[in-house]
């Protein structure tokens, strides 16, 4: 039996300072030195 490998597709939910949750950060500025920025940059390179 061969097992098919599923591609990893992360789901990112952003928790804001006031506790609200957002899936889309359109319109928000993400600082270049933040870890989140580096993750998104790396994901876009792989696509």
N, C-alpha and C. Protein backbone atom coordinates (compact mmCIF):
# COMPACT_ATOMS: atom_id res chain seq x y z
N UNK A 1 0.84 -1.19 0.00
CA UNK A 1 0.00 0.00 0.00
C UNK A 1 0.88 1.25 0.00
N UNK A 2 0.51 2.19 -0.82
CA UNK A 2 1.23 3.46 -0.81
C UNK A 2 0.33 4.52 -0.20
N UNK A 3 0.93 5.34 0.58
CA UNK A 3 0.18 6.40 1.25
C UNK A 3 0.44 7.71 0.52
N UNK A 4 -0.62 8.41 0.16
CA UNK A 4 -0.45 9.70 -0.51
C UNK A 4 -0.16 10.76 0.53
N UNK A 5 0.75 11.63 0.19
CA UNK A 5 1.15 12.70 1.11
C UNK A 5 0.37 13.96 0.78
N UNK A 6 -0.34 14.48 1.75
CA UNK A 6 -1.10 15.72 1.57
C UNK A 6 -0.20 16.92 1.78
N UNK A 7 -0.39 17.94 0.95
CA UNK A 7 0.40 19.16 1.10
C UNK A 7 -0.11 19.93 2.31
N UNK A 8 0.83 20.46 3.07
CA UNK A 8 0.49 21.24 4.26
C UNK A 8 -0.07 22.58 3.84
N UNK A 9 -1.27 22.91 4.32
CA UNK A 9 -1.91 24.19 4.01
C UNK A 9 -2.30 24.86 5.32
N UNK A 10 -1.42 25.72 5.83
CA UNK A 10 -1.69 26.34 7.13
C UNK A 10 -2.85 27.33 7.06
N UNK A 11 -3.54 27.47 8.17
CA UNK A 11 -4.60 28.47 8.30
C UNK A 11 -4.13 29.44 9.37
N UNK A 12 -3.97 30.69 8.99
CA UNK A 12 -3.46 31.70 9.91
C UNK A 12 -4.60 32.58 10.38
N UNK A 13 -4.78 32.64 11.69
CA UNK A 13 -5.77 33.53 12.30
C UNK A 13 -5.00 34.52 13.17
N UNK A 14 -5.22 35.78 12.93
CA UNK A 14 -4.50 36.84 13.64
C UNK A 14 -5.35 37.32 14.82
N UNK A 15 -4.76 37.33 16.00
CA UNK A 15 -5.44 37.83 17.19
C UNK A 15 -4.91 39.23 17.46
N UNK A 16 -5.80 40.20 17.40
CA UNK A 16 -5.43 41.59 17.57
C UNK A 16 -5.30 41.92 19.06
N UNK A 17 -4.78 43.08 19.38
CA UNK A 17 -4.55 43.50 20.77
C UNK A 17 -5.84 43.54 21.58
N UNK A 18 -6.97 43.85 20.92
CA UNK A 18 -8.24 43.92 21.64
C UNK A 18 -8.93 42.56 21.76
N UNK A 19 -8.29 41.49 21.26
CA UNK A 19 -8.85 40.14 21.35
C UNK A 19 -9.65 39.70 20.15
N UNK A 20 -9.92 40.61 19.22
CA UNK A 20 -10.67 40.23 18.02
C UNK A 20 -9.79 39.38 17.11
N UNK A 21 -10.43 38.54 16.29
CA UNK A 21 -9.68 37.64 15.40
C UNK A 21 -9.96 38.01 13.95
N UNK A 22 -8.90 38.04 13.15
CA UNK A 22 -9.00 38.36 11.73
C UNK A 22 -8.29 37.30 10.91
N UNK A 23 -8.86 36.92 9.76
CA UNK A 23 -8.17 36.02 8.84
C UNK A 23 -7.48 36.82 7.75
N UNK A 24 -7.93 38.03 7.48
CA UNK A 24 -7.39 38.84 6.39
C UNK A 24 -6.86 40.15 6.96
N UNK A 25 -5.59 40.44 6.72
CA UNK A 25 -4.98 41.66 7.23
C UNK A 25 -4.86 42.75 6.17
N UNK A 26 -5.70 42.70 5.16
CA UNK A 26 -5.67 43.72 4.11
C UNK A 26 -5.88 45.09 4.75
N UNK A 27 -4.98 46.00 4.47
CA UNK A 27 -5.09 47.35 5.01
C UNK A 27 -4.27 47.57 6.28
N UNK A 28 -3.75 46.50 6.88
CA UNK A 28 -2.92 46.63 8.07
C UNK A 28 -1.45 46.58 7.67
N UNK A 29 -0.63 47.37 8.34
CA UNK A 29 0.81 47.37 8.08
C UNK A 29 1.48 46.36 9.00
N UNK A 30 2.30 45.48 8.41
CA UNK A 30 3.03 44.48 9.19
C UNK A 30 4.50 44.91 9.21
N UNK A 31 5.09 45.14 10.39
CA UNK A 31 6.49 45.55 10.46
C UNK A 31 7.42 44.50 9.84
N UNK A 32 8.44 44.95 9.13
CA UNK A 32 9.34 44.04 8.43
C UNK A 32 10.13 43.15 9.38
N UNK A 33 10.36 43.59 10.61
CA UNK A 33 11.14 42.79 11.55
C UNK A 33 10.28 41.82 12.36
N UNK A 34 8.99 41.69 12.04
CA UNK A 34 8.12 40.79 12.79
C UNK A 34 8.25 39.36 12.26
N UNK A 35 8.06 38.39 13.13
CA UNK A 35 8.11 36.99 12.72
C UNK A 35 7.02 36.64 11.73
N UNK A 36 5.86 37.27 11.87
CA UNK A 36 4.74 37.02 10.96
C UNK A 36 5.12 37.42 9.53
N UNK A 37 5.77 38.54 9.38
CA UNK A 37 6.20 39.01 8.06
C UNK A 37 7.12 37.98 7.41
N UNK A 38 8.05 37.44 8.18
CA UNK A 38 8.99 36.46 7.64
C UNK A 38 8.29 35.17 7.21
N UNK A 39 7.29 34.73 7.97
CA UNK A 39 6.54 33.52 7.61
C UNK A 39 5.79 33.73 6.30
N UNK A 40 5.09 34.85 6.16
CA UNK A 40 4.33 35.12 4.94
C UNK A 40 5.27 35.26 3.75
N UNK A 41 6.40 35.91 3.95
CA UNK A 41 7.38 36.07 2.87
C UNK A 41 7.89 34.70 2.40
N UNK A 42 8.19 33.81 3.34
CA UNK A 42 8.68 32.48 3.01
C UNK A 42 7.60 31.66 2.30
N UNK A 43 6.35 31.78 2.74
CA UNK A 43 5.25 31.04 2.09
C UNK A 43 5.07 31.51 0.65
N UNK A 44 5.17 32.80 0.40
CA UNK A 44 5.00 33.32 -0.95
C UNK A 44 6.13 32.89 -1.88
N UNK A 45 7.34 32.69 -1.34
CA UNK A 45 8.46 32.22 -2.16
C UNK A 45 8.23 30.78 -2.62
N UNK A 46 7.58 29.97 -1.77
CA UNK A 46 7.35 28.56 -2.09
C UNK A 46 6.26 28.37 -3.13
N UNK A 47 5.39 29.32 -3.27
CA UNK A 47 4.26 29.19 -4.22
C UNK A 47 4.68 29.48 -5.62
